[in-house]
């Protein structure tokens, strides 16, 4: 009877030890597999090896970076390791490695070790099981027949006309750009046959001043734009009427230009005063009142009228102190009689 109790007690102790040891093995259990996408290949074929490490959740797998020469294998690529959760509470860390072989025969992957860190920071070393790959020849063993060389592959030559057309287009664009730059540098409008404006310079100035006043810029508070347009009109008049290069010149630079021109000194002074007043509005942010600003176009119109070429009959009367009215009347009558 005592022997039976001893046997039962021994079985009970073994059961308790087994039950207490099972969770430790499960908690520290790590499963490592290396699987190729094929086990047989020819020389130079790429083979993808999938390395999978199944471990408890929270563990970190540290996989090494392989050199290009890994034993007899040549490593072509090695992906980043990814970790995914499993349904049983474990995790699987996965990495793919592409390799190739250049010799015939059967080859085994070299020894590969990696580190595993548990949640407490304890490190352990694990090993990847080796696998075998067979490199077979491309010809069968009994295939000794000689075959003809394959004909040369035909190369498709692209047509050359798109390159010729593209080159001609680029040359044409470059020519047009050079012509435009030349005309712009010479101060001439672009175009082969520009429209001809037969109006005299003073008439163009009058028409432009009328158009500026019709824009109603002062009522909308656009003083700077108004003063700029009026002074540009006068500069264009001076250039076209007297041949003076006054555009892109400051007011101080205009002093010597106007003084050396055919303009009367009084007229030159009035032009300079108008340009100086406009500079205050355009550059010094001075805002005049509406009445003062409104007189600008009138003064510009008066300067054009004073300096424009006079008709021949008006010049004749100015040169004569007392024009003989009877003679002029007879001359007009004689011309009308003709």
C-alpha atoms as a PDB file:
ATOM      1  CA  UNK A   1       0.000   0.000   0.000  1.00  0.00           C
ATOM      2  CA  UNK A   2       2.807   2.391   0.798  1.00  0.00           C
ATOM      3  CA  UNK A   3       4.464   1.642  -2.578  1.00  0.00           C
ATOM      4  CA  UNK A   4       1.259   2.593  -4.355  1.00  0.00           C
ATOM      5  CA  UNK A   5       1.188   5.957  -2.514  1.00  0.00           C
ATOM      6  CA  UNK A   6       4.827   6.558  -3.409  1.00  0.00           C
ATOM      7  CA  UNK A   7       4.143   5.880  -7.078  1.00  0.00           C
ATOM      8  CA  UNK A   8       1.117   8.196  -7.080  1.00  0.00           C
ATOM      9  CA  UNK A   9       3.091  10.896  -5.294  1.00  0.00           C
ATOM     10  CA  UNK A  10       5.936  10.614  -7.824  1.00  0.00           C
ATOM     11  CA  UNK A  11       3.516  10.912 -10.779  1.00  0.00           C
ATOM     12  CA  UNK A  12       1.891  13.958  -9.178  1.00  0.00           C
ATOM     13  CA  UNK A  13       5.254  15.691  -8.740  1.00  0.00           C
ATOM     14  CA  UNK A  14       6.256  14.974 -12.341  1.00  0.00           C
ATOM     15  CA  UNK A  15       2.947  16.398 -13.566  1.00  0.00           C
ATOM     16  CA  UNK A  16       3.432  19.576 -11.541  1.00  0.00           C
ATOM     17  CA  UNK A  17       6.976  20.006 -12.875  1.00  0.00           C
ATOM     18  CA  UNK A  18       5.829  19.522 -16.460  1.00  0.00           C
ATOM     19  CA  UNK A  19       3.024  22.049 -16.033  1.00  0.00           C
ATOM     20  CA  UNK A  20       5.386  24.635 -14.532  1.00  0.00           C
ATOM     21  CA  UNK A  21       8.004  24.126 -17.282  1.00  0.00           C
ATOM     22  CA  UNK A  22       5.555  24.429 -20.253  1.00  0.00           C
ATOM     23  CA  UNK A  23       4.900  28.228 -19.961  1.00  0.00           C
ATOM     24  CA  UNK A  24       8.666  28.953 -19.799  1.00  0.00           C
ATOM     25  CA  UNK A  25       9.301  27.073 -23.001  1.00  0.00           C
ATOM     26  CA  UNK A  26       6.320  28.771 -24.666  1.00  0.00           C
ATOM     27  CA  UNK A  27       7.359  32.220 -23.465  1.00  0.00           C
ATOM     28  CA  UNK A  28      10.913  31.846 -24.741  1.00  0.00           C
ATOM     29  CA  UNK A  29      10.067  29.794 -27.846  1.00  0.00           C
ATOM     30  CA  UNK A  30      11.498  31.264 -31.106  1.00  0.00           C
ATOM     31  CA  UNK A  31      10.943  29.541 -34.425  1.00  0.00           C
ATOM     32  CA  UNK A  32      13.225  30.377 -37.387  1.00  0.00           C
ATOM     33  CA  UNK A  33      12.626  29.313 -41.006  1.00  0.00           C
ATOM     34  CA  UNK A  34      14.406  30.109 -44.292  1.00  0.00           C
ATOM     35  CA  UNK A  35      12.330  29.267 -47.357  1.00  0.00           C
ATOM     36  CA  UNK A  36      13.410  29.605 -51.030  1.00  0.00           C
ATOM     37  CA  UNK A  37      10.912  30.306 -53.775  1.00  0.00           C
ATOM     38  CA  UNK A  38      12.466  27.347 -55.616  1.00  0.00           C
ATOM     39  CA  UNK A  39      15.078  24.751 -54.833  1.00  0.00           C
ATOM     40  CA  UNK A  40      16.432  24.207 -58.361  1.00  0.00           C
ATOM     41  CA  UNK A  41      17.840  26.904 -60.642  1.00  0.00           C
ATOM     42  CA  UNK A  42      20.210  27.513 -63.489  1.00  0.00           C
ATOM     43  CA  UNK A  43      23.376  29.611 -63.492  1.00  0.00           C
ATOM     44  CA  UNK A  44      22.645  33.296 -62.831  1.00  0.00           C
ATOM     45  CA  UNK A  45      18.971  32.837 -61.880  1.00  0.00           C
ATOM     46  CA  UNK A  46      17.668  34.962 -59.023  1.00  0.00           C
ATOM     47  CA  UNK A  47      16.270  33.102 -56.022  1.00  0.00           C
ATOM     48  CA  UNK A  48      14.259  34.801 -53.293  1.00  0.00           C
ATOM     49  CA  UNK A  49      14.848  33.521 -49.768  1.00  0.00           C
ATOM     50  CA  UNK A  50      12.219  34.371 -47.148  1.00  0.00           C
ATOM     51  CA  UNK A  51      13.535  34.526 -43.585  1.00  0.00           C
ATOM     52  CA  UNK A  52      10.800  34.313 -40.928  1.00  0.00           C
ATOM     53  CA  UNK A  53      11.312  34.541 -37.181  1.00  0.00           C
ATOM     54  CA  UNK A  54       8.269  33.814 -35.013  1.00  0.00           C
ATOM     55  CA  UNK A  55       8.695  35.149 -31.455  1.00  0.00           C
ATOM     56  CA  UNK A  56       6.673  36.349 -28.473  1.00  0.00           C
ATOM     57  CA  UNK A  57       5.056  39.749 -28.762  1.00  0.00           C
ATOM     58  CA  UNK A  58       7.290  42.629 -27.722  1.00  0.00           C
ATOM     59  CA  UNK A  59      10.520  40.947 -28.792  1.00  0.00           C
ATOM     60  CA  UNK A  60      12.836  42.713 -31.240  1.00  0.00           C
ATOM     61  CA  UNK A  61      14.694  40.792 -33.930  1.00  0.00           C
ATOM     62  CA  UNK A  62      17.989  42.315 -35.102  1.00  0.00           C
ATOM     63  CA  UNK A  63      18.941  40.894 -38.524  1.00  0.00           C
ATOM     64  CA  UNK A  64      22.452  41.512 -39.891  1.00  0.00           C
ATOM     65  CA  UNK A  65      23.241  43.224 -43.206  1.00  0.00           C
ATOM     66  CA  UNK A  66      24.762  40.630 -45.544  1.00  0.00           C
ATOM     67  CA  UNK A  67      27.823  41.332 -47.651  1.00  0.00           C
ATOM     68  CA  UNK A  68      27.548  40.961 -51.412  1.00  0.00           C
ATOM     69  CA  UNK A  69      29.632  37.771 -51.261  1.00  0.00           C
ATOM     70  CA  UNK A  70      27.794  35.406 -48.856  1.00  0.00           C
ATOM     71  CA  UNK A  71      29.745  32.183 -49.149  1.00  0.00           C
ATOM     72  CA  UNK A  72      29.178  30.811 -52.679  1.00  0.00           C
ATOM     73  CA  UNK A  73      26.083  32.991 -53.017  1.00  0.00           C
ATOM     74  CA  UNK A  74      25.987  36.530 -54.418  1.00  0.00           C
ATOM     75  CA  UNK A  75      23.516  38.740 -52.583  1.00  0.00           C
ATOM     76  CA  UNK A  76      21.609  41.028 -54.962  1.00  0.00           C
ATOM     77  CA  UNK A  77      19.183  42.663 -52.506  1.00  0.00           C
ATOM     78  CA  UNK A  78      18.013  42.477 -48.891  1.00  0.00           C
ATOM     79  CA  UNK A  79      14.715  44.021 -47.836  1.00  0.00           C
ATOM     80  CA  UNK A  80      13.917  45.818 -44.612  1.00  0.00           C
ATOM     81  CA  UNK A  81      12.575  43.568 -41.855  1.00  0.00           C
ATOM     82  CA  UNK A  82       8.854  43.850 -41.109  1.00  0.00           C
ATOM     83  CA  UNK A  83       6.992  42.537 -38.040  1.00  0.00           C
ATOM     84  CA  UNK A  84       3.348  41.414 -38.049  1.00  0.00           C
ATOM     85  CA  UNK A  85       1.126  40.096 -35.274  1.00  0.00           C
ATOM     86  CA  UNK A  86      -0.234  36.544 -35.382  1.00  0.00           C
ATOM     87  CA  UNK A  87      -3.625  35.279 -34.223  1.00  0.00           C
ATOM     88  CA  UNK A  88      -2.071  33.253 -31.372  1.00  0.00           C
ATOM     89  CA  UNK A  89      -0.530  36.346 -29.737  1.00  0.00           C
ATOM     90  CA  UNK A  90       2.954  35.873 -31.194  1.00  0.00           C
ATOM     91  CA  UNK A  91       4.658  38.009 -33.813  1.00  0.00           C
ATOM     92  CA  UNK A  92       6.555  37.169 -36.995  1.00  0.00           C
ATOM     93  CA  UNK A  93       9.475  39.225 -38.285  1.00  0.00           C
ATOM     94  CA  UNK A  94      10.010  38.693 -42.001  1.00  0.00           C
ATOM     95  CA  UNK A  95      12.784  39.619 -44.456  1.00  0.00           C
ATOM     96  CA  UNK A  96      13.443  38.668 -48.088  1.00  0.00           C
ATOM     97  CA  UNK A  97      16.920  38.103 -49.556  1.00  0.00           C
ATOM     98  CA  UNK A  98      17.613  37.785 -53.282  1.00  0.00           C
ATOM     99  CA  UNK A  99      20.656  35.647 -54.161  1.00  0.00           C
ATOM    100  CA  UNK A 100      22.153  33.967 -57.209  1.00  0.00           C
ATOM    101  CA  UNK A 101      24.781  31.311 -57.994  1.00  0.00           C
ATOM    102  CA  UNK A 102      27.253  31.030 -60.874  1.00  0.00           C
ATOM    103  CA  UNK A 103      28.515  27.445 -60.445  1.00  0.00           C
ATOM    104  CA  UNK A 104      26.886  24.082 -61.080  1.00  0.00           C
ATOM    105  CA  UNK A 105      26.168  21.762 -58.207  1.00  0.00           C
ATOM    106  CA  UNK A 106      24.413  21.742 -54.849  1.00  0.00           C
ATOM    107  CA  UNK A 107      25.079  24.583 -52.403  1.00  0.00           C
ATOM    108  CA  UNK A 108      24.133  25.149 -48.786  1.00  0.00           C
ATOM    109  CA  UNK A 109      23.495  28.586 -47.323  1.00  0.00           C
ATOM    110  CA  UNK A 110      26.275  29.659 -44.910  1.00  0.00           C
ATOM    111  CA  UNK A 111      25.724  29.955 -41.182  1.00  0.00           C
ATOM    112  CA  UNK A 112      23.774  33.079 -40.271  1.00  0.00           C
ATOM    113  CA  UNK A 113      23.235  34.356 -36.739  1.00  0.00           C
ATOM    114  CA  UNK A 114      21.023  37.197 -35.518  1.00  0.00           C
ATOM    115  CA  UNK A 115      20.103  38.781 -32.206  1.00  0.00           C
ATOM    116  CA  UNK A 116      16.809  38.803 -30.318  1.00  0.00           C
ATOM    117  CA  UNK A 117      15.951  41.236 -27.527  1.00  0.00           C
ATOM    118  CA  UNK A 118      13.099  40.452 -25.162  1.00  0.00           C
ATOM    119  CA  UNK A 119      10.880  43.007 -23.481  1.00  0.00           C
ATOM    120  CA  UNK A 120      13.283  43.260 -20.491  1.00  0.00           C
ATOM    121  CA  UNK A 121      16.258  44.134 -22.711  1.00  0.00           C
ATOM    122  CA  UNK A 122      17.929  40.715 -22.465  1.00  0.00           C
ATOM    123  CA  UNK A 123      19.769  39.739 -25.658  1.00  0.00           C
ATOM    124  CA  UNK A 124      20.056  36.240 -27.076  1.00  0.00           C
ATOM    125  CA  UNK A 125      21.618  34.873 -30.234  1.00  0.00           C
ATOM    126  CA  UNK A 126      19.717  32.670 -32.664  1.00  0.00           C
ATOM    127  CA  UNK A 127      20.823  30.860 -35.808  1.00  0.00           C
ATOM    128  CA  UNK A 128      19.142  30.511 -39.185  1.00  0.00           C
ATOM    129  CA  UNK A 129      18.848  26.912 -40.355  1.00  0.00           C
ATOM    130  CA  UNK A 130      20.762  26.194 -43.560  1.00  0.00           C
ATOM    131  CA  UNK A 131      19.000  25.154 -46.757  1.00  0.00           C
ATOM    132  CA  UNK A 132      20.307  23.550 -49.962  1.00  0.00           C
ATOM    133  CA  UNK A 133      19.906  24.831 -53.519  1.00  0.00           C
ATOM    134  CA  UNK A 134      20.825  22.914 -56.666  1.00  0.00           C
ATOM    135  CA  UNK A 135      22.201  24.633 -59.769  1.00  0.00           C
ATOM    136  CA  UNK A 136      21.511  22.490 -62.837  1.00  0.00           C
ATOM    137  CA  UNK A 137      22.777  22.946 -66.407  1.00  0.00           C
ATOM    138  CA  UNK A 138      20.496  24.368 -69.039  1.00  0.00           C
ATOM    139  CA  UNK A 139      21.042  21.379 -71.344  1.00  0.00           C
ATOM    140  CA  UNK A 140      19.880  17.881 -70.642  1.00  0.00           C
ATOM    141  CA  UNK A 141      22.575  15.265 -70.026  1.00  0.00           C
ATOM    142  CA  UNK A 142      21.906  13.419 -73.282  1.00  0.00           C
ATOM    143  CA  UNK A 143      21.508  16.571 -75.393  1.00  0.00           C
ATOM    144  CA  UNK A 144      24.764  16.699 -77.425  1.00  0.00           C
ATOM    145  CA  UNK A 145      23.413  17.849 -80.795  1.00  0.00           C
ATOM    146  CA  UNK A 146      24.864  21.012 -82.314  1.00  0.00           C
ATOM    147  CA  UNK A 147      22.355  23.616 -83.361  1.00  0.00           C
ATOM    148  CA  UNK A 148      22.643  26.458 -85.827  1.00  0.00           C
ATOM    149  CA  UNK A 149      23.369  29.922 -84.530  1.00  0.00           C
ATOM    150  CA  UNK A 150      20.286  32.038 -84.285  1.00  0.00           C
ATOM    151  CA  UNK A 151      20.066  34.793 -86.897  1.00  0.00           C
ATOM    152  CA  UNK A 152      20.995  38.315 -85.903  1.00  0.00           C
ATOM    153  CA  UNK A 153      18.166  40.137 -84.278  1.00  0.00           C
ATOM    154  CA  UNK A 154      16.710  42.990 -86.297  1.00  0.00           C
ATOM    155  CA  UNK A 155      17.164  46.409 -84.716  1.00  0.00           C
ATOM    156  CA  UNK A 156      14.408  48.921 -85.155  1.00  0.00           C
ATOM    157  CA  UNK A 157      15.932  52.218 -86.296  1.00  0.00           C
ATOM    158  CA  UNK A 158      13.727  55.171 -85.349  1.00  0.00           C
ATOM    159  CA  UNK A 159      12.930  57.622 -88.154  1.00  0.00           C
ATOM    160  CA  UNK A 160      15.252  60.596 -88.389  1.00  0.00           C
ATOM    161  CA  UNK A 161      12.756  63.141 -89.705  1.00  0.00           C
ATOM    162  CA  UNK A 162      11.427  64.146 -86.222  1.00  0.00           C
ATOM    163  CA  UNK A 163      14.984  65.150 -85.264  1.00  0.00           C
ATOM    164  CA  UNK A 164      15.367  67.184 -88.455  1.00  0.00           C
ATOM    165  CA  UNK A 165      12.005  68.881 -87.939  1.00  0.00           C
ATOM    166  CA  UNK A 166      12.797  69.586 -84.292  1.00  0.00           C
ATOM    167  CA  UNK A 167      16.188  71.059 -85.198  1.00  0.00           C
ATOM    168  CA  UNK A 168      14.632  73.287 -87.864  1.00  0.00           C
ATOM    169  CA  UNK A 169      12.031  74.465 -85.365  1.00  0.00           C
ATOM    170  CA  UNK A 170      14.723  75.326 -82.822  1.00  0.00           C
ATOM    171  CA  UNK A 171      16.679  77.259 -85.460  1.00  0.00           C
ATOM    172  CA  UNK A 172      13.539  79.178 -86.421  1.00  0.00           C
ATOM    173  CA  UNK A 173      12.763  80.025 -82.802  1.00  0.00           C
ATOM    174  CA  UNK A 174      16.357  81.180 -82.243  1.00  0.00           C
ATOM    175  CA  UNK A 175      16.204  83.342 -85.393  1.00  0.00           C
ATOM    176  CA  UNK A 176      12.942  84.973 -84.329  1.00  0.00           C
ATOM    177  CA  UNK A 177      14.336  85.572 -80.839  1.00  0.00           C
ATOM    178  CA  UNK A 178      17.503  87.156 -82.253  1.00  0.00           C
ATOM    179  CA  UNK A 179      15.473  89.373 -84.595  1.00  0.00           C
ATOM    180  CA  UNK A 180      13.244  90.500 -81.737  1.00  0.00           C
ATOM    181  CA  UNK A 181      16.288  91.275 -79.536  1.00  0.00           C
ATOM    182  CA  UNK A 182      17.882  93.292 -82.355  1.00  0.00           C
ATOM    183  CA  UNK A 183      14.707  95.295 -82.988  1.00  0.00           C
ATOM    184  CA  UNK A 184      14.229  95.875 -79.266  1.00  0.00           C
ATOM    185  CA  UNK A 185      17.829  97.079 -78.868  1.00  0.00           C
ATOM    186  CA  UNK A 186      17.344  99.474 -81.771  1.00  0.00           C
ATOM    187  CA  UNK A 187      14.171 100.821 -80.198  1.00  0.00           C
ATOM    188  CA  UNK A 188      12.058  99.670 -83.137  1.00  0.00           C
ATOM    189  CA  UNK A 189       8.729  97.831 -82.937  1.00  0.00           C
ATOM    190  CA  UNK A 190       8.745  94.130 -83.702  1.00  0.00           C
ATOM    191  CA  UNK A 191       7.279  93.141 -87.027  1.00  0.00           C
ATOM    192  CA  UNK A 192       8.125  93.242 -90.695  1.00  0.00           C
ATOM    193  CA  UNK A 193       5.398  95.675 -91.724  1.00  0.00           C
ATOM    194  CA  UNK A 194       4.269  97.785 -88.758  1.00  0.00           C
ATOM    195  CA  UNK A 195       1.280 100.068 -89.105  1.00  0.00           C
ATOM    196  CA  UNK A 196       2.223 103.594 -90.192  1.00  0.00           C
ATOM    197  CA  UNK A 197       0.961 106.450 -88.012  1.00  0.00           C
ATOM    198  CA  UNK A 198       0.931 109.590 -90.137  1.00  0.00           C
ATOM    199  CA  UNK A 199      -0.045 111.873 -87.302  1.00  0.00           C
ATOM    200  CA  UNK A 200       2.546 114.482 -86.307  1.00  0.00           C
ATOM    201  CA  UNK A 201       4.164 114.115 -82.887  1.00  0.00           C
ATOM    202  CA  UNK A 202       2.227 117.028 -81.380  1.00  0.00           C
ATOM    203  CA  UNK A 203      -1.112 115.556 -82.555  1.00  0.00           C
ATOM    204  CA  UNK A 204      -0.208 112.171 -81.047  1.00  0.00           C
ATOM    205  CA  UNK A 205       0.561 113.949 -77.759  1.00  0.00           C
ATOM    206  CA  UNK A 206      -2.780 115.788 -77.798  1.00  0.00           C
ATOM    207  CA  UNK A 207      -4.726 112.590 -78.544  1.00  0.00           C
ATOM    208  CA  UNK A 208      -2.859 110.662 -75.844  1.00  0.00           C
ATOM    209  CA  UNK A 209      -3.516 113.357 -73.208  1.00  0.00           C
ATOM    210  CA  UNK A 210      -7.226 113.325 -74.121  1.00  0.00           C
ATOM    211  CA  UNK A 211      -7.275 109.526 -73.680  1.00  0.00           C
ATOM    212  CA  UNK A 212      -5.537 109.800 -70.287  1.00  0.00           C
ATOM    213  CA  UNK A 213      -8.102 112.299 -69.043  1.00  0.00           C
ATOM    214  CA  UNK A 214     -10.865 109.992 -70.277  1.00  0.00           C
ATOM    215  CA  UNK A 215      -9.537 107.153 -68.086  1.00  0.00           C
ATOM    216  CA  UNK A 216     -10.768 109.015 -64.969  1.00  0.00           C
ATOM    217  CA  UNK A 217      -7.711 107.940 -62.968  1.00  0.00           C
ATOM    218  CA  UNK A 218      -7.760 110.876 -60.537  1.00  0.00           C
ATOM    219  CA  UNK A 219     -11.311 110.172 -59.391  1.00  0.00           C
ATOM    220  CA  UNK A 220     -10.232 106.628 -58.522  1.00  0.00           C
ATOM    221  CA  UNK A 221      -7.175 107.829 -56.585  1.00  0.00           C
ATOM    222  CA  UNK A 222      -4.629 106.423 -59.065  1.00  0.00           C
ATOM    223  CA  UNK A 223      -2.361 109.486 -58.973  1.00  0.00           C
ATOM    224  CA  UNK A 224       0.908 107.656 -59.618  1.00  0.00           C
ATOM    225  CA  UNK A 225      -0.414 106.006 -62.775  1.00  0.00           C
ATOM    226  CA  UNK A 226      -1.869 109.337 -63.994  1.00  0.00           C
ATOM    227  CA  UNK A 227       1.382 111.261 -63.501  1.00  0.00           C
ATOM    228  CA  UNK A 228       3.396 108.467 -65.124  1.00  0.00           C
ATOM    229  CA  UNK A 229       1.213 108.411 -68.250  1.00  0.00           C
ATOM    230  CA  UNK A 230       1.327 112.195 -68.668  1.00  0.00           C
ATOM    231  CA  UNK A 231       5.130 112.423 -68.309  1.00  0.00           C
ATOM    232  CA  UNK A 232       5.640 109.448 -70.630  1.00  0.00           C
ATOM    233  CA  UNK A 233       3.496 111.233 -73.214  1.00  0.00           C
ATOM    234  CA  UNK A 234       5.734 114.321 -72.988  1.00  0.00           C
ATOM    235  CA  UNK A 235       8.887 112.200 -73.210  1.00  0.00           C
ATOM    236  CA  UNK A 236       7.549 110.505 -76.348  1.00  0.00           C
ATOM    237  CA  UNK A 237       6.721 113.932 -77.807  1.00  0.00           C
ATOM    238  CA  UNK A 238      10.236 115.249 -77.125  1.00  0.00           C
ATOM    239  CA  UNK A 239      11.803 112.170 -78.707  1.00  0.00           C
ATOM    240  CA  UNK A 240       9.609 112.123 -81.822  1.00  0.00           C
ATOM    241  CA  UNK A 241       9.457 115.881 -82.369  1.00  0.00           C
ATOM    242  CA  UNK A 242      13.010 116.942 -81.489  1.00  0.00           C
ATOM    243  CA  UNK A 243      14.969 113.666 -81.690  1.00  0.00           C
ATOM    244  CA  UNK A 244      15.969 113.801 -78.005  1.00  0.00           C
ATOM    245  CA  UNK A 245      16.751 110.559 -76.153  1.00  0.00           C
ATOM    246  CA  UNK A 246      14.843 111.291 -72.965  1.00  0.00           C
ATOM    247  CA  UNK A 247      13.311 107.921 -72.084  1.00  0.00           C
ATOM    248  CA  UNK A 248      15.041 106.038 -69.263  1.00  0.00           C
ATOM    249  CA  UNK A 249      16.687 109.286 -68.158  1.00  0.00           C
ATOM    250  CA  UNK A 250      16.280 110.919 -64.748  1.00  0.00           C
ATOM    251  CA  UNK A 251      15.040 114.459 -64.384  1.00  0.00           C
ATOM    252  CA  UNK A 252      18.519 115.676 -63.443  1.00  0.00           C
ATOM    253  CA  UNK A 253      19.942 114.046 -66.584  1.00  0.00           C
ATOM    254  CA  UNK A 254      17.304 115.811 -68.691  1.00  0.00           C
ATOM    255  CA  UNK A 255      18.663 119.250 -67.756  1.00  0.00           C
ATOM    256  CA  UNK A 256      21.706 119.044 -70.020  1.00  0.00           C
ATOM    257  CA  UNK A 257      19.719 117.338 -72.784  1.00  0.00           C
ATOM    258  CA  UNK A 258      16.992 120.019 -72.902  1.00  0.00           C
ATOM    259  CA  UNK A 259      19.437 122.892 -72.566  1.00  0.00           C
ATOM    260  CA  UNK A 260      21.381 121.634 -75.567  1.00  0.00           C
ATOM    261  CA  UNK A 261      18.223 121.232 -77.681  1.00  0.00           C
ATOM    262  CA  UNK A 262      16.362 123.670 -79.952  1.00  0.00           C
ATOM    263  CA  UNK A 263      13.820 124.385 -77.193  1.00  0.00           C
ATOM    264  CA  UNK A 264      13.613 127.885 -75.798  1.00  0.00           C
ATOM    265  CA  UNK A 265      15.115 128.194 -72.299  1.00  0.00           C
ATOM    266  CA  UNK A 266      11.729 129.088 -70.838  1.00  0.00           C
ATOM    267  CA  UNK A 267      10.134 126.018 -72.368  1.00  0.00           C
ATOM    268  CA  UNK A 268      12.968 123.776 -71.180  1.00  0.00           C
ATOM    269  CA  UNK A 269      12.530 125.092 -67.656  1.00  0.00           C
ATOM    270  CA  UNK A 270       8.784 124.400 -67.706  1.00  0.00           C
ATOM    271  CA  UNK A 271       9.351 120.843 -68.963  1.00  0.00           C
ATOM    272  CA  UNK A 272      11.845 120.220 -66.137  1.00  0.00           C
ATOM    273  CA  UNK A 273       9.470 121.696 -63.530  1.00  0.00           C
ATOM    274  CA  UNK A 274       6.680 119.397 -64.689  1.00  0.00           C
ATOM    275  CA  UNK A 275       8.965 116.334 -64.586  1.00  0.00           C
ATOM    276  CA  UNK A 276      10.226 117.274 -61.101  1.00  0.00           C
ATOM    277  CA  UNK A 277       6.660 117.684 -59.793  1.00  0.00           C
ATOM    278  CA  UNK A 278       5.760 114.272 -61.225  1.00  0.00           C
ATOM    279  CA  UNK A 279       8.786 112.670 -59.534  1.00  0.00           C
ATOM    280  CA  UNK A 280       7.376 113.674 -56.142  1.00  0.00           C
ATOM    281  CA  UNK A 281       4.206 111.715 -56.863  1.00  0.00           C
ATOM    282  CA  UNK A 282       5.851 108.739 -58.573  1.00  0.00           C
ATOM    283  CA  UNK A 283       8.794 108.221 -56.239  1.00  0.00           C
ATOM    284  CA  UNK A 284       8.299 110.237 -53.028  1.00  0.00           C
ATOM    285  CA  UNK A 285       4.714 109.016 -52.404  1.00  0.00           C
ATOM    286  CA  UNK A 286       3.438 112.630 -52.426  1.00  0.00           C
ATOM    287  CA  UNK A 287      -0.353 112.778 -52.917  1.00  0.00           C
ATOM    288  CA  UNK A 288      -1.547 116.071 -54.492  1.00  0.00           C
ATOM    289  CA  UNK A 289      -5.070 117.402 -54.320  1.00  0.00           C
ATOM    290  CA  UNK A 290      -7.416 116.796 -57.227  1.00  0.00           C
ATOM    291  CA  UNK A 291      -7.291 120.388 -58.462  1.00  0.00           C
ATOM    292  CA  UNK A 292      -3.491 120.456 -58.632  1.00  0.00           C
ATOM    293  CA  UNK A 293      -3.322 117.059 -60.282  1.00  0.00           C
ATOM    294  CA  UNK A 294      -5.994 118.033 -62.807  1.00  0.00           C
ATOM    295  CA  UNK A 295      -3.864 120.945 -64.066  1.00  0.00           C
ATOM    296  CA  UNK A 296      -1.015 118.551 -65.012  1.00  0.00           C
ATOM    297  CA  UNK A 297      -2.564 117.428 -68.305  1.00  0.00           C
ATOM    298  CA  UNK A 298      -3.531 121.018 -69.154  1.00  0.00           C
ATOM    299  CA  UNK A 299       0.015 122.224 -68.564  1.00  0.00           C
ATOM    300  CA  UNK A 300       1.397 119.343 -70.640  1.00  0.00           C
ATOM    301  CA  UNK A 301      -1.021 120.219 -73.443  1.00  0.00           C
ATOM    302  CA  UNK A 302       0.065 123.872 -73.255  1.00  0.00           C
ATOM    303  CA  UNK A 303       3.767 122.916 -73.476  1.00  0.00           C
ATOM    304  CA  UNK A 304       3.091 120.830 -76.576  1.00  0.00           C
ATOM    305  CA  UNK A 305       1.163 123.699 -78.144  1.00  0.00           C
ATOM    306  CA  UNK A 306       3.974 126.181 -77.401  1.00  0.00           C
ATOM    307  CA  UNK A 307       6.733 123.982 -78.806  1.00  0.00           C
ATOM    308  CA  UNK A 308       5.044 122.317 -81.785  1.00  0.00           C
ATOM    309  CA  UNK A 309       5.904 123.519 -85.315  1.00  0.00           C
ATOM    310  CA  UNK A 310       3.698 126.417 -86.329  1.00  0.00           C
ATOM    311  CA  UNK A 311       1.776 126.624 -89.616  1.00  0.00           C
ATOM    312  CA  UNK A 312       3.434 128.693 -92.408  1.00  0.00           C
ATOM    313  CA  UNK A 313       0.835 131.460 -92.422  1.00  0.00           C
ATOM    314  CA  UNK A 314       1.078 131.891 -88.648  1.00  0.00           C
ATOM    315  CA  UNK A 315       4.864 132.092 -88.938  1.00  0.00           C
ATOM    316  CA  UNK A 316       4.559 134.737 -91.627  1.00  0.00           C
ATOM    317  CA  UNK A 317       2.416 136.951 -89.386  1.00  0.00           C
ATOM    318  CA  UNK A 318       4.772 136.537 -86.446  1.00  0.00           C
ATOM    319  CA  UNK A 319       7.771 137.616 -88.521  1.00  0.00           C
ATOM    320  CA  UNK A 320       5.953 140.751 -89.784  1.00  0.00           C
ATOM    321  CA  UNK A 321       5.303 143.472 -87.239  1.00  0.00           C
ATOM    322  CA  UNK A 322       2.218 144.775 -89.112  1.00  0.00           C
ATOM    323  CA  UNK A 323       0.997 142.346 -91.734  1.00  0.00           C
ATOM    324  CA  UNK A 324      -0.519 144.148 -94.795  1.00  0.00           C
ATOM    325  CA  UNK A 325      -4.102 143.044 -94.681  1.00  0.00           C
ATOM    326  CA  UNK A 326      -4.951 144.329 -98.169  1.00  0.00           C
ATOM    327  CA  UNK A 327      -2.060 142.404 -99.726  1.00  0.00           C
ATOM    328  CA  UNK A 328      -3.067 139.229 -98.011  1.00  0.00           C
ATOM    329  CA  UNK A 329      -6.660 139.750 -99.079  1.00  0.00           C
ATOM    330  CA  UNK A 330      -5.638 140.310-102.678  1.00  0.00           C
ATOM    331  CA  UNK A 331      -3.443 137.227-102.623  1.00  0.00           C
ATOM    332  CA  UNK A 332      -6.261 135.061-101.267  1.00  0.00           C
ATOM    333  CA  UNK A 333      -8.669 136.535-103.798  1.00  0.00           C
ATOM    334  CA  UNK A 334      -6.254 135.862-106.635  1.00  0.00           C
ATOM    335  CA  UNK A 335      -5.748 132.284-105.500  1.00  0.00           C
ATOM    336  CA  UNK A 336      -9.470 131.733-105.246  1.00  0.00           C
ATOM    337  CA  UNK A 337      -9.907 133.161-108.725  1.00  0.00           C
ATOM    338  CA  UNK A 338      -7.518 130.682-110.121  1.00  0.00           C
END
